[in-house]
Protein backbone atom coordinates (compact mmCIF):
# COMPACT_ATOMS: atom_id res chain seq x y z
CA MET A 1 -10.32 37.67 2.53
CA GLN A 2 -10.45 33.90 2.26
CA THR A 3 -8.51 31.93 4.80
CA SER A 4 -6.35 29.09 3.58
CA LYS A 5 -6.75 25.57 4.86
CA SER A 6 -4.37 24.44 7.54
CA ILE A 7 -1.67 21.97 6.61
CA LYS A 8 -3.48 19.23 8.56
CA GLU A 9 -6.68 19.90 6.61
CA GLN A 10 -4.78 19.77 3.33
CA GLN A 11 -3.08 16.51 4.33
CA ARG A 12 -6.39 14.97 5.37
CA ALA A 13 -8.00 16.01 2.05
CA TYR A 14 -5.06 14.52 0.12
CA ALA A 15 -5.28 11.25 2.08
CA GLU A 16 -9.03 11.10 1.36
CA ARG A 17 -8.40 11.62 -2.38
CA LEU A 18 -5.80 8.85 -2.39
CA LEU A 19 -8.10 6.46 -0.52
CA THR A 20 -11.03 7.33 -2.79
CA ALA A 21 -8.94 6.55 -5.87
CA LEU A 22 -7.74 3.30 -4.30
CA GLY A 23 -11.29 2.35 -3.35
CA GLU A 24 -12.55 2.99 -6.87
CA GLN A 25 -9.79 0.83 -8.36
CA LEU A 26 -10.39 -2.02 -5.88
CA THR A 27 -14.17 -1.85 -6.32
CA SER A 28 -13.70 -2.20 -10.08
CA ARG A 29 -11.92 -5.49 -9.25
CA SER A 30 -14.86 -6.71 -7.12
CA VAL A 31 -13.21 -5.89 -3.78
CA THR A 32 -15.58 -4.48 -1.16
CA THR A 33 -14.43 -1.11 0.18
CA VAL A 34 -15.95 1.71 2.25
CA LEU A 35 -14.33 5.09 2.86
CA ILE A 36 -14.65 5.95 6.56
CA VAL A 37 -13.22 8.20 9.25
CA ALA A 38 -11.54 6.19 12.01
CA PRO A 39 -12.32 7.04 15.65
CA ASP A 40 -9.05 9.00 15.85
CA GLY A 41 -10.15 11.19 12.92
CA ARG A 42 -7.94 9.66 10.23
CA PRO A 43 -9.52 8.79 6.90
CA ALA A 44 -9.36 5.07 6.12
CA LEU A 45 -10.69 2.52 3.69
CA ASP A 46 -12.45 -0.49 5.16
CA VAL A 47 -11.51 -3.40 2.88
CA THR A 48 -13.07 -6.85 3.17
CA ASP A 49 -10.90 -9.87 2.32
CA SER A 50 -11.82 -13.21 0.74
CA ARG A 51 -12.73 -14.60 4.20
CA CYS A 52 -15.10 -11.67 4.92
CA ARG A 53 -12.66 -10.12 7.40
CA MET A 54 -12.21 -6.37 7.36
CA ARG A 55 -9.01 -4.37 7.66
CA ARG A 56 -8.52 -0.65 7.48
CA VAL A 57 -6.15 0.73 4.88
CA PHE A 58 -4.60 4.03 5.94
CA VAL A 59 -2.33 6.55 4.24
CA HIS A 60 1.08 7.38 5.69
CA LEU A 61 1.93 10.62 3.90
CA PRO A 62 5.56 11.11 5.04
CA PHE A 63 6.55 7.71 3.63
CA CYS A 64 4.05 7.72 0.71
CA TRP A 65 2.46 4.44 1.81
CA PHE A 66 -0.88 2.76 1.90
CA TYR A 67 -0.73 0.40 4.88
CA TRP A 68 -3.02 -2.13 6.52
CA GLY A 69 -0.78 -3.33 9.34
CA ASP A 70 2.64 -2.92 10.88
CA GLN A 71 4.43 -5.77 9.09
CA ASP A 72 6.85 -5.16 6.20
CA ASP A 73 4.51 -6.84 3.70
CA GLU A 74 1.52 -4.77 4.84
CA ARG A 75 2.47 -1.54 3.14
CA VAL A 76 2.91 -0.36 -0.40
CA SER A 77 3.85 2.93 -2.05
CA PHE A 78 0.95 5.02 -3.29
CA LEU A 79 3.25 6.76 -5.77
CA GLN A 80 2.61 3.94 -8.24
CA MET A 81 -1.14 3.47 -7.86
CA ALA A 82 -1.46 0.53 -10.28
CA GLY A 83 1.13 -1.47 -8.36
CA ALA A 84 -0.47 -0.54 -5.04
CA VAL A 85 -3.87 -1.72 -6.25
CA ASP A 86 -2.37 -5.00 -7.48
CA ARG A 87 -0.60 -5.61 -4.15
CA ILE A 88 -3.64 -4.83 -2.01
CA GLU A 89 -5.91 -6.92 -4.23
CA ARG A 90 -3.48 -9.83 -3.86
CA ALA A 91 -3.50 -9.42 -0.06
CA VAL A 92 -7.32 -9.37 -0.09
CA ARG A 93 -7.53 -12.52 -2.23
CA GLU A 94 -5.01 -14.33 0.02
CA GLY A 95 -6.78 -13.06 3.14
CA TRP A 96 -5.55 -10.68 5.80
CA ARG A 97 -3.06 -12.18 8.24
CA GLU A 98 -4.43 -13.55 11.50
CA GLY A 99 -4.45 -11.40 14.61
CA GLU A 100 -4.96 -7.77 15.43
CA GLN A 101 -4.22 -5.12 12.85
CA GLY A 102 -1.02 -3.28 13.70
CA ASP A 103 -0.69 0.45 13.25
CA LEU A 104 2.16 2.60 11.96
CA SER A 105 0.88 5.92 13.25
CA VAL A 106 3.44 7.94 15.12
CA ASP A 107 2.57 11.16 16.91
CA LEU A 108 5.51 13.37 15.98
CA ASN A 109 4.32 16.03 18.42
CA LYS A 110 4.98 13.65 21.31
CA ILE A 111 8.50 13.05 20.02
CA LEU A 112 9.10 16.79 19.67
CA ASP A 113 7.73 17.42 23.17
CA ALA A 114 10.23 14.91 24.59
CA TYR A 115 13.09 17.04 23.25
CA ARG A 116 11.71 20.36 24.42
CA GLY A 117 13.00 21.55 27.72
């Protein structure tokens, strides 16, 4: 009997497929990308901007976003891949914003634990 993948494994595989597709599209537009696994285990795409600065693009599955920071203009829906590629390419050409890269990750287990008695 074959065991099925856990939900987390399925989500990770889906995020990797999305990032791979994004990377292929950006690479075809001469944007440098590398698919990696971040230290916390999340798949990410290292993307180099026009000033040779790197940012990590992550997938936020619950909100269907690619994101590269915590600002409103640093996320885009992956449901319309062509538009997402255009937006990220534009951000790369303009250059990533100055400062540290913000993160949108939220550990829902910690929130749930706060409400458990």
